[in-house]
PDBML (XML) file of the C-alpha atoms, coordinates in Angstrom:
<?xml version="1.0" encoding="UTF-8" ?>
<PDBx:datablock datablockName="MODEL"
   xmlns:PDBx="http://pdbml.pdb.org/schema/pdbx-v50.xsd"
   xmlns:xsi="http://www.w3.org/2001/XMLSchema-instance"
   xsi:schemaLocation="http://pdbml.pdb.org/schema/pdbx-v50.xsd pdbx-v50.xsd">
   <PDBx:atom_siteCategory>
      <PDBx:atom_site id="1">
         <PDBx:B_iso_or_equiv>0.00</PDBx:B_iso_or_equiv>
         <PDBx:Cartn_x>58.797</PDBx:Cartn_x>
         <PDBx:Cartn_y>34.519</PDBx:Cartn_y>
         <PDBx:Cartn_z>-123.976</PDBx:Cartn_z>
         <PDBx:auth_asym_id>A</PDBx:auth_asym_id>
         <PDBx:auth_atom_id>CA</PDBx:auth_atom_id>
         <PDBx:auth_comp_id>UNK</PDBx:auth_comp_id>
         <PDBx:auth_seq_id>1</PDBx:auth_seq_id>
         <PDBx:group_PDB>ATOM</PDBx:group_PDB>
         <PDBx:label_alt_id xsi:nil="true" />
         <PDBx:label_asym_id>A</PDBx:label_asym_id>
         <PDBx:label_atom_id>CA</PDBx:label_atom_id>
         <PDBx:label_comp_id>UNK</PDBx:label_comp_id>
         <PDBx:label_entity_id>1</PDBx:label_entity_id>
         <PDBx:label_seq_id>1</PDBx:label_seq_id>
         <PDBx:occupancy>1.00</PDBx:occupancy>
         <PDBx:pdbx_PDB_model_num>1</PDBx:pdbx_PDB_model_num>
         <PDBx:type_symbol>C</PDBx:type_symbol>
      </PDBx:atom_site>
      <PDBx:atom_site id="2">
         <PDBx:B_iso_or_equiv>0.00</PDBx:B_iso_or_equiv>
         <PDBx:Cartn_x>58.738</PDBx:Cartn_x>
         <PDBx:Cartn_y>31.594</PDBx:Cartn_y>
         <PDBx:Cartn_z>-120.628</PDBx:Cartn_z>
         <PDBx:auth_asym_id>A</PDBx:auth_asym_id>
         <PDBx:auth_atom_id>CA</PDBx:auth_atom_id>
         <PDBx:auth_comp_id>UNK</PDBx:auth_comp_id>
         <PDBx:auth_seq_id>2</PDBx:auth_seq_id>
         <PDBx:group_PDB>ATOM</PDBx:group_PDB>
         <PDBx:label_alt_id xsi:nil="true" />
         <PDBx:label_asym_id>A</PDBx:label_asym_id>
         <PDBx:label_atom_id>CA</PDBx:label_atom_id>
         <PDBx:label_comp_id>UNK</PDBx:label_comp_id>
         <PDBx:label_entity_id>1</PDBx:label_entity_id>
         <PDBx:label_seq_id>2</PDBx:label_seq_id>
         <PDBx:occupancy>1.00</PDBx:occupancy>
         <PDBx:pdbx_PDB_model_num>1</PDBx:pdbx_PDB_model_num>
         <PDBx:type_symbol>C</PDBx:type_symbol>
      </PDBx:atom_site>
      <PDBx:atom_site id="3">
         <PDBx:B_iso_or_equiv>0.00</PDBx:B_iso_or_equiv>
         <PDBx:Cartn_x>61.311</PDBx:Cartn_x>
         <PDBx:Cartn_y>33.438</PDBx:Cartn_y>
         <PDBx:Cartn_z>-118.644</PDBx:Cartn_z>
         <PDBx:auth_asym_id>A</PDBx:auth_asym_id>
         <PDBx:auth_atom_id>CA</PDBx:auth_atom_id>
         <PDBx:auth_comp_id>UNK</PDBx:auth_comp_id>
         <PDBx:auth_seq_id>3</PDBx:auth_seq_id>
         <PDBx:group_PDB>ATOM</PDBx:group_PDB>
         <PDBx:label_alt_id xsi:nil="true" />
         <PDBx:label_asym_id>A</PDBx:label_asym_id>
         <PDBx:label_atom_id>CA</PDBx:label_atom_id>
         <PDBx:label_comp_id>UNK</PDBx:label_comp_id>
         <PDBx:label_entity_id>1</PDBx:label_entity_id>
         <PDBx:label_seq_id>3</PDBx:label_seq_id>
         <PDBx:occupancy>1.00</PDBx:occupancy>
         <PDBx:pdbx_PDB_model_num>1</PDBx:pdbx_PDB_model_num>
         <PDBx:type_symbol>C</PDBx:type_symbol>
      </PDBx:atom_site>
      <PDBx:atom_site id="4">
         <PDBx:B_iso_or_equiv>0.00</PDBx:B_iso_or_equiv>
         <PDBx:Cartn_x>59.429</PDBx:Cartn_x>
         <PDBx:Cartn_y>33.597</PDBx:Cartn_y>
         <PDBx:Cartn_z>-115.414</PDBx:Cartn_z>
         <PDBx:auth_asym_id>A</PDBx:auth_asym_id>
         <PDBx:auth_atom_id>CA</PDBx:auth_atom_id>
         <PDBx:auth_comp_id>UNK</PDBx:auth_comp_id>
         <PDBx:auth_seq_id>4</PDBx:auth_seq_id>
         <PDBx:group_PDB>ATOM</PDBx:group_PDB>
         <PDBx:label_alt_id xsi:nil="true" />
         <PDBx:label_asym_id>A</PDBx:label_asym_id>
         <PDBx:label_atom_id>CA</PDBx:label_atom_id>
         <PDBx:label_comp_id>UNK</PDBx:label_comp_id>
         <PDBx:label_entity_id>1</PDBx:label_entity_id>
         <PDBx:label_seq_id>4</PDBx:label_seq_id>
         <PDBx:occupancy>1.00</PDBx:occupancy>
         <PDBx:pdbx_PDB_model_num>1</PDBx:pdbx_PDB_model_num>
         <PDBx:type_symbol>C</PDBx:type_symbol>
      </PDBx:atom_site>
      <PDBx:atom_site id="5">
         <PDBx:B_iso_or_equiv>0.00</PDBx:B_iso_or_equiv>
         <PDBx:Cartn_x>59.368</PDBx:Cartn_x>
         <PDBx:Cartn_y>29.265</PDBx:Cartn_y>
         <PDBx:Cartn_z>-115.932</PDBx:Cartn_z>
         <PDBx:auth_asym_id>A</PDBx:auth_asym_id>
         <PDBx:auth_atom_id>CA</PDBx:auth_atom_id>
         <PDBx:auth_comp_id>UNK</PDBx:auth_comp_id>
         <PDBx:auth_seq_id>5</PDBx:auth_seq_id>
         <PDBx:group_PDB>ATOM</PDBx:group_PDB>
         <PDBx:label_alt_id xsi:nil="true" />
         <PDBx:label_asym_id>A</PDBx:label_asym_id>
         <PDBx:label_atom_id>CA</PDBx:label_atom_id>
         <PDBx:label_comp_id>UNK</PDBx:label_comp_id>
         <PDBx:label_entity_id>1</PDBx:label_entity_id>
         <PDBx:label_seq_id>5</PDBx:label_seq_id>
         <PDBx:occupancy>1.00</PDBx:occupancy>
         <PDBx:pdbx_PDB_model_num>1</PDBx:pdbx_PDB_model_num>
         <PDBx:type_symbol>C</PDBx:type_symbol>
      </PDBx:atom_site>
      <PDBx:atom_site id="6">
         <PDBx:B_iso_or_equiv>0.00</PDBx:B_iso_or_equiv>
         <PDBx:Cartn_x>63.273</PDBx:Cartn_x>
         <PDBx:Cartn_y>29.221</PDBx:Cartn_y>
         <PDBx:Cartn_z>-117.547</PDBx:Cartn_z>
         <PDBx:auth_asym_id>A</PDBx:auth_asym_id>
         <PDBx:auth_atom_id>CA</PDBx:auth_atom_id>
         <PDBx:auth_comp_id>UNK</PDBx:auth_comp_id>
         <PDBx:auth_seq_id>6</PDBx:auth_seq_id>
         <PDBx:group_PDB>ATOM</PDBx:group_PDB>
         <PDBx:label_alt_id xsi:nil="true" />
         <PDBx:label_asym_id>A</PDBx:label_asym_id>
         <PDBx:label_atom_id>CA</PDBx:label_atom_id>
         <PDBx:label_comp_id>UNK</PDBx:label_comp_id>
         <PDBx:label_entity_id>1</PDBx:label_entity_id>
         <PDBx:label_seq_id>6</PDBx:label_seq_id>
         <PDBx:occupancy>1.00</PDBx:occupancy>
         <PDBx:pdbx_PDB_model_num>1</PDBx:pdbx_PDB_model_num>
         <PDBx:type_symbol>C</PDBx:type_symbol>
      </PDBx:atom_site>
      <PDBx:atom_site id="7">
         <PDBx:B_iso_or_equiv>0.00</PDBx:B_iso_or_equiv>
         <PDBx:Cartn_x>64.831</PDBx:Cartn_x>
         <PDBx:Cartn_y>31.350</PDBx:Cartn_y>
         <PDBx:Cartn_z>-114.657</PDBx:Cartn_z>
         <PDBx:auth_asym_id>A</PDBx:auth_asym_id>
         <PDBx:auth_atom_id>CA</PDBx:auth_atom_id>
         <PDBx:auth_comp_id>UNK</PDBx:auth_comp_id>
         <PDBx:auth_seq_id>7</PDBx:auth_seq_id>
         <PDBx:group_PDB>ATOM</PDBx:group_PDB>
         <PDBx:label_alt_id xsi:nil="true" />
         <PDBx:label_asym_id>A</PDBx:label_asym_id>
         <PDBx:label_atom_id>CA</PDBx:label_atom_id>
         <PDBx:label_comp_id>UNK</PDBx:label_comp_id>
         <PDBx:label_entity_id>1</PDBx:label_entity_id>
         <PDBx:label_seq_id>7</PDBx:label_seq_id>
         <PDBx:occupancy>1.00</PDBx:occupancy>
         <PDBx:pdbx_PDB_model_num>1</PDBx:pdbx_PDB_model_num>
         <PDBx:type_symbol>C</PDBx:type_symbol>
      </PDBx:atom_site>
      <PDBx:atom_site id="8">
         <PDBx:B_iso_or_equiv>0.00</PDBx:B_iso_or_equiv>
         <PDBx:Cartn_x>62.465</PDBx:Cartn_x>
         <PDBx:Cartn_y>29.002</PDBx:Cartn_y>
         <PDBx:Cartn_z>-111.632</PDBx:Cartn_z>
         <PDBx:auth_asym_id>A</PDBx:auth_asym_id>
         <PDBx:auth_atom_id>CA</PDBx:auth_atom_id>
         <PDBx:auth_comp_id>UNK</PDBx:auth_comp_id>
         <PDBx:auth_seq_id>8</PDBx:auth_seq_id>
         <PDBx:group_PDB>ATOM</PDBx:group_PDB>
         <PDBx:label_alt_id xsi:nil="true" />
         <PDBx:label_asym_id>A</PDBx:label_asym_id>
         <PDBx:label_atom_id>CA</PDBx:label_atom_id>
         <PDBx:label_comp_id>UNK</PDBx:label_comp_id>
         <PDBx:label_entity_id>1</PDBx:label_entity_id>
         <PDBx:label_seq_id>8</PDBx:label_seq_id>
         <PDBx:occupancy>1.00</PDBx:occupancy>
         <PDBx:pdbx_PDB_model_num>1</PDBx:pdbx_PDB_model_num>
         <PDBx:type_symbol>C</PDBx:type_symbol>
      </PDBx:atom_site>
      <PDBx:atom_site id="9">
         <PDBx:B_iso_or_equiv>0.00</PDBx:B_iso_or_equiv>
         <PDBx:Cartn_x>63.716</PDBx:Cartn_x>
         <PDBx:Cartn_y>25.936</PDBx:Cartn_y>
         <PDBx:Cartn_z>-113.587</PDBx:Cartn_z>
         <PDBx:auth_asym_id>A</PDBx:auth_asym_id>
         <PDBx:auth_atom_id>CA</PDBx:auth_atom_id>
         <PDBx:auth_comp_id>UNK</PDBx:auth_comp_id>
         <PDBx:auth_seq_id>9</PDBx:auth_seq_id>
         <PDBx:group_PDB>ATOM</PDBx:group_PDB>
         <PDBx:label_alt_id xsi:nil="true" />
         <PDBx:label_asym_id>A</PDBx:label_asym_id>
         <PDBx:label_atom_id>CA</PDBx:label_atom_id>
         <PDBx:label_comp_id>UNK</PDBx:label_comp_id>
         <PDBx:label_entity_id>1</PDBx:label_entity_id>
         <PDBx:label_seq_id>9</PDBx:label_seq_id>
         <PDBx:occupancy>1.00</PDBx:occupancy>
         <PDBx:pdbx_PDB_model_num>1</PDBx:pdbx_PDB_model_num>
         <PDBx:type_symbol>C</PDBx:type_symbol>
      </PDBx:atom_site>
      <PDBx:atom_site id="10">
         <PDBx:B_iso_or_equiv>0.00</PDBx:B_iso_or_equiv>
         <PDBx:Cartn_x>67.450</PDBx:Cartn_x>
         <PDBx:Cartn_y>26.282</PDBx:Cartn_y>
         <PDBx:Cartn_z>-114.211</PDBx:Cartn_z>
         <PDBx:auth_asym_id>A</PDBx:auth_asym_id>
         <PDBx:auth_atom_id>CA</PDBx:auth_atom_id>
         <PDBx:auth_comp_id>UNK</PDBx:auth_comp_id>
         <PDBx:auth_seq_id>10</PDBx:auth_seq_id>
         <PDBx:group_PDB>ATOM</PDBx:group_PDB>
         <PDBx:label_alt_id xsi:nil="true" />
         <PDBx:label_asym_id>A</PDBx:label_asym_id>
         <PDBx:label_atom_id>CA</PDBx:label_atom_id>
         <PDBx:label_comp_id>UNK</PDBx:label_comp_id>
         <PDBx:label_entity_id>1</PDBx:label_entity_id>
         <PDBx:label_seq_id>10</PDBx:label_seq_id>
         <PDBx:occupancy>1.00</PDBx:occupancy>
         <PDBx:pdbx_PDB_model_num>1</PDBx:pdbx_PDB_model_num>
         <PDBx:type_symbol>C</PDBx:type_symbol>
      </PDBx:atom_site>
      <PDBx:atom_site id="11">
         <PDBx:B_iso_or_equiv>0.00</PDBx:B_iso_or_equiv>
         <PDBx:Cartn_x>67.497</PDBx:Cartn_x>
         <PDBx:Cartn_y>28.227</PDBx:Cartn_y>
         <PDBx:Cartn_z>-110.383</PDBx:Cartn_z>
         <PDBx:auth_asym_id>A</PDBx:auth_asym_id>
         <PDBx:auth_atom_id>CA</PDBx:auth_atom_id>
         <PDBx:auth_comp_id>UNK</PDBx:auth_comp_id>
         <PDBx:auth_seq_id>11</PDBx:auth_seq_id>
         <PDBx:group_PDB>ATOM</PDBx:group_PDB>
         <PDBx:label_alt_id xsi:nil="true" />
         <PDBx:label_asym_id>A</PDBx:label_asym_id>
         <PDBx:label_atom_id>CA</PDBx:label_atom_id>
         <PDBx:label_comp_id>UNK</PDBx:label_comp_id>
         <PDBx:label_entity_id>1</PDBx:label_entity_id>
         <PDBx:label_seq_id>11</PDBx:label_seq_id>
         <PDBx:occupancy>1.00</PDBx:occupancy>
         <PDBx:pdbx_PDB_model_num>1</PDBx:pdbx_PDB_model_num>
         <PDBx:type_symbol>C</PDBx:type_symbol>
      </PDBx:atom_site>
      <PDBx:atom_site id="12">
         <PDBx:B_iso_or_equiv>0.00</PDBx:B_iso_or_equiv>
         <PDBx:Cartn_x>66.024</PDBx:Cartn_x>
         <PDBx:Cartn_y>25.303</PDBx:Cartn_y>
         <PDBx:Cartn_z>-109.146</PDBx:Cartn_z>
         <PDBx:auth_asym_id>A</PDBx:auth_asym_id>
         <PDBx:auth_atom_id>CA</PDBx:auth_atom_id>
         <PDBx:auth_comp_id>UNK</PDBx:auth_comp_id>
         <PDBx:auth_seq_id>12</PDBx:auth_seq_id>
         <PDBx:group_PDB>ATOM</PDBx:group_PDB>
         <PDBx:label_alt_id xsi:nil="true" />
         <PDBx:label_asym_id>A</PDBx:label_asym_id>
         <PDBx:label_atom_id>CA</PDBx:label_atom_id>
         <PDBx:label_comp_id>UNK</PDBx:label_comp_id>
         <PDBx:label_entity_id>1</PDBx:label_entity_id>
         <PDBx:label_seq_id>12</PDBx:label_seq_id>
         <PDBx:occupancy>1.00</PDBx:occupancy>
         <PDBx:pdbx_PDB_model_num>1</PDBx:pdbx_PDB_model_num>
         <PDBx:type_symbol>C</PDBx:type_symbol>
      </PDBx:atom_site>
      <PDBx:atom_site id="13">
         <PDBx:B_iso_or_equiv>0.00</PDBx:B_iso_or_equiv>
         <PDBx:Cartn_x>68.024</PDBx:Cartn_x>
         <PDBx:Cartn_y>22.786</PDBx:Cartn_y>
         <PDBx:Cartn_z>-110.897</PDBx:Cartn_z>
         <PDBx:auth_asym_id>A</PDBx:auth_asym_id>
         <PDBx:auth_atom_id>CA</PDBx:auth_atom_id>
         <PDBx:auth_comp_id>UNK</PDBx:auth_comp_id>
         <PDBx:auth_seq_id>13</PDBx:auth_seq_id>
         <PDBx:group_PDB>ATOM</PDBx:group_PDB>
         <PDBx:label_alt_id xsi:nil="true" />
         <PDBx:label_asym_id>A</PDBx:label_asym_id>
         <PDBx:label_atom_id>CA</PDBx:label_atom_id>
         <PDBx:label_comp_id>UNK</PDBx:label_comp_id>
         <PDBx:label_entity_id>1</PDBx:label_entity_id>
         <PDBx:label_seq_id>13</PDBx:label_seq_id>
         <PDBx:occupancy>1.00</PDBx:occupancy>
         <PDBx:pdbx_PDB_model_num>1</PDBx:pdbx_PDB_model_num>
         <PDBx:type_symbol>C</PDBx:type_symbol>
      </PDBx:atom_site>
      <PDBx:atom_site id="14">
         <PDBx:B_iso_or_equiv>0.00</PDBx:B_iso_or_equiv>
         <PDBx:Cartn_x>71.344</PDBx:Cartn_x>
         <PDBx:Cartn_y>25.236</PDBx:Cartn_y>
         <PDBx:Cartn_z>-110.382</PDBx:Cartn_z>
         <PDBx:auth_asym_id>A</PDBx:auth_asym_id>
         <PDBx:auth_atom_id>CA</PDBx:auth_atom_id>
         <PDBx:auth_comp_id>UNK</PDBx:auth_comp_id>
         <PDBx:auth_seq_id>14</PDBx:auth_seq_id>
         <PDBx:group_PDB>ATOM</PDBx:group_PDB>
         <PDBx:label_alt_id xsi:nil="true" />
         <PDBx:label_asym_id>A</PDBx:label_asym_id>
         <PDBx:label_atom_id>CA</PDBx:label_atom_id>
         <PDBx:label_comp_id>UNK</PDBx:label_comp_id>
         <PDBx:label_entity_id>1</PDBx:label_entity_id>
         <PDBx:label_seq_id>14</PDBx:label_seq_id>
         <PDBx:occupancy>1.00</PDBx:occupancy>
         <PDBx:pdbx_PDB_model_num>1</PDBx:pdbx_PDB_model_num>
         <PDBx:type_symbol>C</PDBx:type_symbol>
      </PDBx:atom_site>
      <PDBx:atom_site id="15">
         <PDBx:B_iso_or_equiv>0.00</PDBx:B_iso_or_equiv>
         <PDBx:Cartn_x>70.866</PDBx:Cartn_x>
         <PDBx:Cartn_y>24.979</PDBx:Cartn_y>
         <PDBx:Cartn_z>-106.293</PDBx:Cartn_z>
         <PDBx:auth_asym_id>A</PDBx:auth_asym_id>
         <PDBx:auth_atom_id>CA</PDBx:auth_atom_id>
         <PDBx:auth_comp_id>UNK</PDBx:auth_comp_id>
         <PDBx:auth_seq_id>15</PDBx:auth_seq_id>
         <PDBx:group_PDB>ATOM</PDBx:group_PDB>
         <PDBx:label_alt_id xsi:nil="true" />
         <PDBx:label_asym_id>A</PDBx:label_asym_id>
         <PDBx:label_atom_id>CA</PDBx:label_atom_id>
         <PDBx:label_comp_id>UNK</PDBx:label_comp_id>
         <PDBx:label_entity_id>1</PDBx:label_entity_id>
         <PDBx:label_seq_id>15</PDBx:label_seq_id>
         <PDBx:occupancy>1.00</PDBx:occupancy>
         <PDBx:pdbx_PDB_model_num>1</PDBx:pdbx_PDB_model_num>
         <PDBx:type_symbol>C</PDBx:type_symbol>
      </PDBx:atom_site>
      <PDBx:atom_site id="16">
         <PDBx:B_iso_or_equiv>0.00</PDBx:B_iso_or_equiv>
         <PDBx:Cartn_x>69.606</PDBx:Cartn_x>
         <PDBx:Cartn_y>21.431</PDBx:Cartn_y>
         <PDBx:Cartn_z>-106.210</PDBx:Cartn_z>
         <PDBx:auth_asym_id>A</PDBx:auth_asym_id>
         <PDBx:auth_atom_id>CA</PDBx:auth_atom_id>
         <PDBx:auth_comp_id>UNK</PDBx:auth_comp_id>
         <PDBx:auth_seq_id>16</PDBx:auth_seq_id>
         <PDBx:group_PDB>ATOM</PDBx:group_PDB>
         <PDBx:label_alt_id xsi:nil="true" />
         <PDBx:label_asym_id>A</PDBx:label_asym_id>
         <PDBx:label_atom_id>CA</PDBx:label_atom_id>
         <PDBx:label_comp_id>UNK</PDBx:label_comp_id>
         <PDBx:label_entity_id>1</PDBx:label_entity_id>
         <PDBx:label_seq_id>16</PDBx:label_seq_id>
         <PDBx:occupancy>1.00</PDBx:occupancy>
         <PDBx:pdbx_PDB_model_num>1</PDBx:pdbx_PDB_model_num>
         <PDBx:type_symbol>C</PDBx:type_symbol>
      </PDBx:atom_site>
      <PDBx:atom_site id="17">
         <PDBx:B_iso_or_equiv>0.00</PDBx:B_iso_or_equiv>
         <PDBx:Cartn_x>73.226</PDBx:Cartn_x>
         <PDBx:Cartn_y>20.162</PDBx:Cartn_y>
         <PDBx:Cartn_z>-107.507</PDBx:Cartn_z>
         <PDBx:auth_asym_id>A</PDBx:auth_asym_id>
         <PDBx:auth_atom_id>CA</PDBx:auth_atom_id>
         <PDBx:auth_comp_id>UNK</PDBx:auth_comp_id>
         <PDBx:auth_seq_id>17</PDBx:auth_seq_id>
         <PDBx:group_PDB>ATOM</PDBx:group_PDB>
         <PDBx:label_alt_id xsi:nil="true" />
         <PDBx:label_asym_id>A</PDBx:label_asym_id>
         <PDBx:label_atom_id>CA</PDBx:label_atom_id>
         <PDBx:label_comp_id>UNK</PDBx:label_comp_id>
         <PDBx:label_entity_id>1</PDBx:label_entity_id>
         <PDBx:label_seq_id>17</PDBx:label_seq_id>
         <PDBx:occupancy>1.00</PDBx:occupancy>
         <PDBx:pdbx_PDB_model_num>1</PDBx:pdbx_PDB_model_num>
         <PDBx:type_symbol>C</PDBx:type_symbol>
      </PDBx:atom_site>
      <PDBx:atom_site id="18">
         <PDBx:B_iso_or_equiv>0.00</PDBx:B_iso_or_equiv>
         <PDBx:Cartn_x>74.803</PDBx:Cartn_x>
         <PDBx:Cartn_y>20.880</PDBx:Cartn_y>
         <PDBx:Cartn_z>-104.578</PDBx:Cartn_z>
         <PDBx:auth_asym_id>A</PDBx:auth_asym_id>
         <PDBx:auth_atom_id>CA</PDBx:auth_atom_id>
         <PDBx:auth_comp_id>UNK</PDBx:auth_comp_id>
         <PDBx:auth_seq_id>18</PDBx:auth_seq_id>
         <PDBx:group_PDB>ATOM</PDBx:group_PDB>
         <PDBx:label_alt_id xsi:nil="true" />
         <PDBx:label_asym_id>A</PDBx:label_asym_id>
         <PDBx:label_atom_id>CA</PDBx:label_atom_id>
         <PDBx:label_comp_id>UNK</PDBx:label_comp_id>
         <PDBx:label_entity_id>1</PDBx:label_entity_id>
         <PDBx:label_seq_id>18</PDBx:label_seq_id>
         <PDBx:occupancy>1.00</PDBx:occupancy>
         <PDBx:pdbx_PDB_model_num>1</PDBx:pdbx_PDB_model_num>
         <PDBx:type_symbol>C</PDBx:type_symbol>
      </PDBx:atom_site>
      <PDBx:atom_site id="19">
         <PDBx:B_iso_or_equiv>0.00</PDBx:B_iso_or_equiv>
         <PDBx:Cartn_x>74.785</PDBx:Cartn_x>
         <PDBx:Cartn_y>18.281</PDBx:Cartn_y>
         <PDBx:Cartn_z>-102.126</PDBx:Cartn_z>
         <PDBx:auth_asym_id>A</PDBx:auth_asym_id>
         <PDBx:auth_atom_id>CA</PDBx:auth_atom_id>
         <PDBx:auth_comp_id>UNK</PDBx:auth_comp_id>
         <PDBx:auth_seq_id>19</PDBx:auth_seq_id>
         <PDBx:group_PDB>ATOM</PDBx:group_PDB>
         <PDBx:label_alt_id xsi:nil="true" />
         <PDBx:label_asym_id>A</PDBx:label_asym_id>
         <PDBx:label_atom_id>CA</PDBx:label_atom_id>
         <PDBx:label_comp_id>UNK</PDBx:label_comp_id>
         <PDBx:label_entity_id>1</PDBx:label_entity_id>
         <PDBx:label_seq_id>19</PDBx:label_seq_id>
         <PDBx:occupancy>1.00</PDBx:occupancy>
         <PDBx:pdbx_PDB_model_num>1</PDBx:pdbx_PDB_model_num>
         <PDBx:type_symbol>C</PDBx:type_symbol>
      </PDBx:atom_site>
      <PDBx:atom_site id="20">
         <PDBx:B_iso_or_equiv>0.00</PDBx:B_iso_or_equiv>
         <PDBx:Cartn_x>75.675</PDBx:Cartn_x>
         <PDBx:Cartn_y>20.830</PDBx:Cartn_y>
         <PDBx:Cartn_z>-98.979</PDBx:Cartn_z>
         <PDBx:auth_asym_id>A</PDBx:auth_asym_id>
         <PDBx:auth_atom_id>CA</PDBx:auth_atom_id>
         <PDBx:auth_comp_id>UNK</PDBx:auth_comp_id>
         <PDBx:auth_seq_id>20</PDBx:auth_seq_id>
         <PDBx:group_PDB>ATOM</PDBx:group_PDB>
         <PDBx:label_alt_id xsi:nil="true" />
         <PDBx:label_asym_id>A</PDBx:label_asym_id>
         <PDBx:label_atom_id>CA</PDBx:label_atom_id>
         <PDBx:label_comp_id>UNK</PDBx:label_comp_id>
         <PDBx:label_entity_id>1</PDBx:label_entity_id>
         <PDBx:label_seq_id>20</PDBx:label_seq_id>
         <PDBx:occupancy>1.00</PDBx:occupancy>
         <PDBx:pdbx_PDB_model_num>1</PDBx:pdbx_PDB_model_num>
         <PDBx:type_symbol>C</PDBx:type_symbol>
      </PDBx:atom_site>
      <PDBx:atom_site id="21">
         <PDBx:B_iso_or_equiv>0.00</PDBx:B_iso_or_equiv>
         <PDBx:Cartn_x>72.862</PDBx:Cartn_x>
         <PDBx:Cartn_y>23.345</PDBx:Cartn_y>
         <PDBx:Cartn_z>-98.000</PDBx:Cartn_z>
         <PDBx:auth_asym_id>A</PDBx:auth_asym_id>
         <PDBx:auth_atom_id>CA</PDBx:auth_atom_id>
         <PDBx:auth_comp_id>UNK</PDBx:auth_comp_id>
         <PDBx:auth_seq_id>21</PDBx:auth_seq_id>
         <PDBx:group_PDB>ATOM</PDBx:group_PDB>
         <PDBx:label_alt_id xsi:nil="true" />
         <PDBx:label_asym_id>A</PDBx:label_asym_id>
         <PDBx:label_atom_id>CA</PDBx:label_atom_id>
         <PDBx:label_comp_id>UNK</PDBx:label_comp_id>
         <PDBx:label_entity_id>1</PDBx:label_entity_id>
         <PDBx:label_seq_id>21</PDBx:label_seq_id>
         <PDBx:occupancy>1.00</PDBx:occupancy>
         <PDBx:pdbx_PDB_model_num>1</PDBx:pdbx_PDB_model_num>
         <PDBx:type_symbol>C</PDBx:type_symbol>
      </PDBx:atom_site>
      <PDBx:atom_site id="22">
         <PDBx:B_iso_or_equiv>0.00</PDBx:B_iso_or_equiv>
         <PDBx:Cartn_x>74.955</PDBx:Cartn_x>
         <PDBx:Cartn_y>25.869</PDBx:Cartn_y>
         <PDBx:Cartn_z>-96.784</PDBx:Cartn_z>
         <PDBx:auth_asym_id>A</PDBx:auth_asym_id>
         <PDBx:auth_atom_id>CA</PDBx:auth_atom_id>
         <PDBx:auth_comp_id>UNK</PDBx:auth_comp_id>
         <PDBx:auth_seq_id>22</PDBx:auth_seq_id>
         <PDBx:group_PDB>ATOM</PDBx:group_PDB>
         <PDBx:label_alt_id xsi:nil="true" />
         <PDBx:label_asym_id>A</PDBx:label_asym_id>
         <PDBx:label_atom_id>CA</PDBx:label_atom_id>
         <PDBx:label_comp_id>UNK</PDBx:label_comp_id>
         <PDBx:label_entity_id>1</PDBx:label_entity_id>
         <PDBx:label_seq_id>22</PDBx:label_seq_id>
         <PDBx:occupancy>1.00</PDBx:occupancy>
         <PDBx:pdbx_PDB_model_num>1</PDBx:pdbx_PDB_model_num>
         <PDBx:type_symbol>C</PDBx:type_symbol>
      </PDBx:atom_site>
      <PDBx:atom_site id="23">
         <PDBx:B_iso_or_equiv>0.00</PDBx:B_iso_or_equiv>
         <PDBx:Cartn_x>75.690</PDBx:Cartn_x>
         <PDBx:Cartn_y>25.748</PDBx:Cartn_y>
         <PDBx:Cartn_z>-100.494</PDBx:Cartn_z>
         <PDBx:auth_asym_id>A</PDBx:auth_asym_id>
         <PDBx:auth_atom_id>CA</PDBx:auth_atom_id>
         <PDBx:auth_comp_id>UNK</PDBx:auth_comp_id>
         <PDBx:auth_seq_id>23</PDBx:auth_seq_id>
         <PDBx:group_PDB>ATOM</PDBx:group_PDB>
         <PDBx:label_alt_id xsi:nil="true" />
         <PDBx:label_asym_id>A</PDBx:label_asym_id>
         <PDBx:label_atom_id>CA</PDBx:label_atom_id>
         <PDBx:label_comp_id>UNK</PDBx:label_comp_id>
         <PDBx:label_entity_id>1</PDBx:label_entity_id>
         <PDBx:label_seq_id>23</PDBx:label_seq_id>
         <PDBx:occupancy>1.00</PDBx:occupancy>
         <PDBx:pdbx_PDB_model_num>1</PDBx:pdbx_PDB_model_num>
         <PDBx:type_symbol>C</PDBx:type_symbol>
      </PDBx:atom_site>
      <PDBx:atom_site id="24">
         <PDBx:B_iso_or_equiv>0.00</PDBx:B_iso_or_equiv>
         <PDBx:Cartn_x>72.050</PDBx:Cartn_x>
         <PDBx:Cartn_y>25.546</PDBx:Cartn_y>
         <PDBx:Cartn_z>-101.526</PDBx:Cartn_z>
         <PDBx:auth_asym_id>A</PDBx:auth_asym_id>
         <PDBx:auth_atom_id>CA</PDBx:auth_atom_id>
         <PDBx:auth_comp_id>UNK</PDBx:auth_comp_id>
         <PDBx:auth_seq_id>24</PDBx:auth_seq_id>
         <PDBx:group_PDB>ATOM</PDBx:group_PDB>
         <PDBx:label_alt_id xsi:nil="true" />
         <PDBx:label_asym_id>A</PDBx:label_asym_id>
         <PDBx:label_atom_id>CA</PDBx:label_atom_id>
         <PDBx:label_comp_id>UNK</PDBx:label_comp_id>
         <PDBx:label_entity_id>1</PDBx:label_entity_id>
         <PDBx:label_seq_id>24</PDBx:label_seq_id>
         <PDBx:occupancy>1.00</PDBx:occupancy>
         <PDBx:pdbx_PDB_model_num>1</PDBx:pdbx_PDB_model_num>
         <PDBx:type_symbol>C</PDBx:type_symbol>
      </PDBx:atom_site>
   </PDBx:atom_siteCategory>
</PDBx:datablock>
């Protein structure tokens, strides 16, 4: 199970989905 890779990808995608730096 690629747990670390999946978590990292999903979190980066989630974080970069916000435009405001404070929210990121």
